[in-house]
Amino acid sequence: MNFSLVMRDVFPLLMRGMVITVETTIASLIIALFLGLFFCLLGMSKAVPLRLIARGYIWAIRGTPLLVQTFFVYFGVPQLFQFLGFDFRLSPMAAGIITLSMNAGAYIAEIFRGGIEAIDHGQMEAARSLGLSHYRAMFGIILPQAVRISIPALVNQFIISLKDTSIISVISLAEIVYEAKIYIGRTMQSFATWTIVGLFYLVIITVLSQISTYVEKKLDYGHGRKSHR
């Protein structure tokens, strides 16, 4: 087994797969942020049916494995549309983004909920007493603070979603794990290839973890200065 030879051969493939991995992760998290905020606010609504919808979504996503969700989106949803008379198919990339968005959205909704609940309830009451509507008080005063509190947890969710893309390889999304499996099937170089894949993940996740730590320290520092004054 020539490790350097495997590295030379597989590196371009893994770099191509890593680009797909990062693109899929970023696209899905952008969508998930909006989904998370939407279902967070839905879950905090005074209307019981809206709260039940939000809780049902979060319950369903958190209670089922990502692999099952992937198969449901890629195989199940198109079959349902075909049963209804529509010719509908999803590419692996589209199915991967939809699945990861739905999955991360449920967890981000809980992250936002925790951030909002961490804000002193008196701030909402004070804003309402000044004549602001509930909508303006929420989006102008409460949410900016909640997002700031939630940033470290959101970065952590980014890391989790990045690693979760490896599961999406089961539907032939050409991300890094899929490229590695194709190369191994052709060369049988399992040990060296998976070692290199692990190093790829370790590097990018270490960078993201350092960014998360830096952001958290900066936010704590800013909060500390404000409290000192």
Protein backbone atom coordinates (compact mmCIF):
# COMPACT_ATOMS: atom_id res chain seq x y z
CA MET A 1 0.00 0.00 0.00
CA ASN A 2 1.58 3.27 -1.17
CA PHE A 3 -0.01 6.05 0.89
CA SER A 4 1.58 8.85 -1.14
CA LEU A 5 0.37 7.28 -4.38
CA VAL A 6 -3.17 6.99 -3.07
CA MET A 7 -3.00 10.61 -1.88
CA ARG A 8 -1.89 11.75 -5.33
CA ASP A 9 -4.67 9.82 -7.07
CA VAL A 10 -7.54 10.47 -4.70
CA PHE A 11 -6.83 14.06 -3.69
CA PRO A 12 -8.44 15.70 -6.79
CA LEU A 13 -11.52 13.48 -6.38
CA LEU A 14 -11.89 14.30 -2.71
CA MET A 15 -11.41 18.01 -3.33
CA ARG A 16 -14.21 17.86 -5.91
CA GLY A 17 -16.36 15.97 -3.42
CA MET A 18 -15.54 18.43 -0.64
CA VAL A 19 -16.71 21.32 -2.83
CA ILE A 20 -20.06 19.55 -3.27
CA THR A 21 -20.16 18.84 0.47
CA VAL A 22 -19.60 22.49 1.40
CA GLU A 23 -22.00 23.81 -1.27
CA THR A 24 -24.73 21.43 -0.11
CA THR A 25 -24.15 22.35 3.53
CA ILE A 26 -24.21 26.11 2.95
CA ALA A 27 -27.31 25.99 0.72
CA SER A 28 -29.19 23.77 3.17
CA LEU A 29 -28.28 25.91 6.19
CA ILE A 30 -29.41 29.13 4.52
CA ILE A 31 -32.80 27.52 3.92
CA ALA A 32 -32.76 25.94 7.39
CA LEU A 33 -32.24 29.33 9.05
CA PHE A 34 -35.48 30.60 7.52
CA LEU A 35 -37.28 27.33 8.29
CA GLY A 36 -36.00 27.38 11.86
CA LEU A 37 -37.06 30.98 12.46
CA PHE A 38 -40.46 30.37 10.85
CA PHE A 39 -41.25 27.28 12.92
CA CYS A 40 -39.81 28.86 16.05
CA LEU A 41 -42.20 31.81 15.76
CA LEU A 42 -45.00 29.44 14.75
CA GLY A 43 -44.36 27.39 17.88
CA MET A 44 -44.54 30.52 20.05
CA SER A 45 -47.80 31.68 18.47
CA LYS A 46 -50.91 32.14 20.60
CA ALA A 47 -52.90 30.13 18.03
CA VAL A 48 -53.03 26.48 19.12
CA PRO A 49 -53.22 25.02 15.56
CA LEU A 50 -50.06 26.89 14.57
CA ARG A 51 -48.23 25.68 17.66
CA LEU A 52 -49.31 22.11 16.91
CA ILE A 53 -47.99 22.36 13.33
CA ALA A 54 -44.61 23.58 14.58
CA ARG A 55 -44.40 20.94 17.30
CA GLY A 56 -45.42 18.22 14.85
CA TYR A 57 -42.69 19.20 12.41
CA ILE A 58 -40.01 19.30 15.11
CA TRP A 59 -41.27 16.04 16.63
CA ALA A 60 -41.23 14.23 13.26
CA ILE A 61 -37.76 15.43 12.28
CA ARG A 62 -36.12 14.86 15.65
CA GLY A 63 -37.78 11.46 16.01
CA THR A 64 -36.62 9.93 12.72
CA PRO A 65 -33.09 9.15 11.44
CA LEU A 66 -31.60 11.34 8.74
CA LEU A 67 -31.20 8.27 6.53
CA VAL A 68 -34.96 7.63 6.62
CA GLN A 69 -35.64 11.29 5.84
CA THR A 70 -33.23 11.09 2.88
CA PHE A 71 -34.98 8.04 1.38
CA PHE A 72 -38.39 9.62 2.02
CA VAL A 73 -37.47 12.81 0.13
CA TYR A 74 -35.58 11.13 -2.71
CA PHE A 75 -37.77 8.07 -3.29
CA GLY A 76 -41.02 8.60 -1.40
CA VAL A 77 -42.01 12.14 -2.42
CA PRO A 78 -41.53 11.60 -6.20
CA GLN A 79 -43.55 8.38 -5.98
CA LEU A 80 -46.36 10.28 -4.24
CA PHE A 81 -46.39 12.90 -7.01
CA GLN A 82 -46.37 10.18 -9.67
CA PHE A 83 -49.33 8.53 -7.94
CA LEU A 84 -51.15 11.87 -8.18
CA GLY A 85 -50.38 12.04 -11.90
CA PHE A 86 -47.36 14.34 -11.93
CA ASP A 87 -44.00 13.43 -13.45
CA PHE A 88 -41.77 14.66 -10.64
CA ARG A 89 -38.15 13.73 -9.92
CA LEU A 90 -35.42 15.12 -7.70
CA SER A 91 -31.73 15.20 -8.43
CA PRO A 92 -29.44 13.90 -5.66
CA MET A 93 -28.26 17.47 -5.00
CA ALA A 94 -31.81 18.83 -4.69
CA ALA A 95 -32.91 15.93 -2.49
CA GLY A 96 -29.82 16.35 -0.32
CA ILE A 97 -30.40 20.06 0.18
CA ILE A 98 -34.10 19.56 0.96
CA THR A 99 -33.37 16.78 3.44
CA LEU A 100 -30.58 18.62 5.25
CA SER A 101 -32.66 21.83 5.30
CA MET A 102 -35.64 20.08 6.86
CA ASN A 103 -33.43 18.28 9.36
CA ALA A 104 -31.36 21.29 10.43
CA GLY A 105 -34.44 23.54 10.42
CA ALA A 106 -36.04 21.59 13.27
CA TYR A 107 -32.94 21.90 15.44
CA ILE A 108 -32.42 25.56 14.54
CA ALA A 109 -36.03 26.25 15.55
CA GLU A 110 -35.19 24.93 19.01
CA ILE A 111 -31.97 26.96 19.07
CA PHE A 112 -33.88 30.15 18.27
CA ARG A 113 -36.54 29.29 20.82
CA GLY A 114 -33.89 28.91 23.49
CA GLY A 115 -32.35 32.23 22.47
CA ILE A 116 -35.67 34.05 22.65
CA GLU A 117 -36.56 32.53 26.00
CA ALA A 118 -33.17 33.63 27.34
CA ILE A 119 -34.17 37.29 26.82
CA ASP A 120 -35.77 38.97 29.82
CA HIS A 121 -39.56 38.97 29.28
CA GLY A 122 -39.64 42.49 30.67
CA GLN A 123 -38.08 43.77 27.45
CA MET A 124 -41.15 42.77 25.46
CA GLU A 125 -43.43 44.34 28.02
CA ALA A 126 -41.37 47.54 28.00
CA ALA A 127 -41.45 47.69 24.20
CA ARG A 128 -45.22 47.19 24.15
CA SER A 129 -45.66 49.89 26.78
CA LEU A 130 -43.79 52.28 24.49
CA GLY A 131 -46.37 51.65 21.78
CA LEU A 132 -44.54 49.08 19.66
CA SER A 133 -46.58 46.27 18.17
CA HIS A 134 -45.71 42.69 19.10
CA TYR A 135 -44.30 42.18 15.59
CA ARG A 136 -42.03 45.26 15.74
CA ALA A 137 -40.88 44.47 19.28
CA MET A 138 -40.05 40.88 18.34
CA PHE A 139 -38.14 41.67 15.15
CA GLY A 140 -36.61 44.95 16.30
CA ILE A 141 -35.62 44.16 19.90
CA ILE A 142 -35.96 40.50 20.89
CA LEU A 143 -34.76 38.62 17.80
CA PRO A 144 -31.48 40.52 17.29
CA GLN A 145 -30.47 39.65 20.85
CA ALA A 146 -31.67 36.06 20.49
CA VAL A 147 -29.66 35.58 17.29
CA ARG A 148 -26.56 36.91 19.02
CA ILE A 149 -27.02 34.43 21.86
CA SER A 150 -27.65 31.61 19.37
CA ILE A 151 -24.58 32.11 17.17
CA PRO A 152 -22.31 29.53 18.90
CA ALA A 153 -25.07 26.90 18.72
CA LEU A 154 -25.73 27.78 15.07
CA VAL A 155 -22.06 27.29 14.21
CA ASN A 156 -22.22 23.93 15.96
CA GLN A 157 -25.25 23.02 13.84
CA PHE A 158 -23.24 23.96 10.75
CA ILE A 159 -20.59 21.44 11.80
CA ILE A 160 -23.23 18.75 12.41
CA SER A 161 -24.85 19.36 9.02
CA LEU A 162 -21.47 19.24 7.30
CA LYS A 163 -20.84 15.79 8.76
CA ASP A 164 -24.41 14.72 7.97
CA THR A 165 -23.77 15.18 4.24
CA SER A 166 -21.89 11.86 4.39
CA ILE A 167 -25.25 10.12 4.91
CA ILE A 168 -26.62 11.75 1.74
CA SER A 169 -24.05 9.77 -0.27
CA VAL A 170 -26.53 6.86 -0.22
CA ILE A 171 -28.53 8.61 -2.97
CA SER A 172 -25.39 9.09 -5.11
CA LEU A 173 -24.76 12.72 -4.24
CA ALA A 174 -21.17 13.16 -5.42
CA GLU A 175 -19.85 14.54 -2.12
CA ILE A 176 -16.60 13.49 -0.50
CA VAL A 177 -17.74 10.13 0.91
CA TYR A 178 -19.34 9.10 -2.39
CA GLU A 179 -16.14 9.98 -4.29
CA ALA A 180 -14.13 7.98 -1.75
CA LYS A 181 -16.37 4.92 -2.18
CA ILE A 182 -16.06 5.11 -5.98
CA TYR A 183 -12.27 5.28 -5.71
CA ILE A 184 -12.13 2.37 -3.25
CA GLY A 185 -14.36 0.28 -5.50
CA ARG A 186 -11.86 0.82 -8.29
CA THR A 187 -8.59 0.40 -6.35
CA MET A 188 -9.50 -1.45 -3.10
CA GLN A 189 -7.36 1.05 -1.15
CA SER A 190 -9.71 1.33 1.83
CA PHE A 191 -7.33 2.15 4.67
CA ALA A 192 -5.44 4.97 2.96
CA THR A 193 -8.54 6.46 1.35
CA TRP A 194 -10.66 6.56 4.51
CA THR A 195 -7.68 7.93 6.44
CA ILE A 196 -7.41 10.79 3.97
CA VAL A 197 -11.18 11.40 4.08
CA GLY A 198 -10.99 11.55 7.87
CA LEU A 199 -8.16 14.09 7.63
CA PHE A 200 -10.25 16.21 5.25
CA TYR A 201 -13.11 16.30 7.74
CA LEU A 202 -10.79 16.92 10.69
CA VAL A 203 -9.19 19.93 9.00
CA ILE A 204 -12.41 21.67 7.97
CA ILE A 205 -14.23 20.90 11.23
CA THR A 206 -11.24 22.05 13.30
CA VAL A 207 -11.29 25.34 11.40
CA LEU A 208 -15.03 25.73 12.00
CA SER A 209 -14.62 24.85 15.70
CA GLN A 210 -11.92 27.51 16.06
CA ILE A 211 -14.19 30.04 14.37
CA SER A 212 -16.99 29.07 16.76
CA THR A 213 -14.71 29.48 19.79
CA TYR A 214 -13.48 32.85 18.53
CA VAL A 215 -17.01 34.14 17.88
CA GLU A 216 -18.19 32.94 21.29
CA LYS A 217 -15.30 34.69 23.04
CA LYS A 218 -15.92 37.91 21.10
CA LEU A 219 -19.59 37.85 22.00
CA ASP A 220 -18.83 37.19 25.66
CA TYR A 221 -16.28 40.00 25.61
CA GLY A 222 -18.80 42.40 24.11
CA HIS A 223 -21.41 41.38 26.66
CA GLY A 224 -18.91 41.79 29.48
CA ARG A 225 -17.95 45.32 28.39
CA LYS A 226 -21.59 46.30 28.13
CA SER A 227 -22.34 44.89 31.59
CA HIS A 228 -19.29 46.66 33.06
CA ARG A 229 -20.53 49.99 31.88
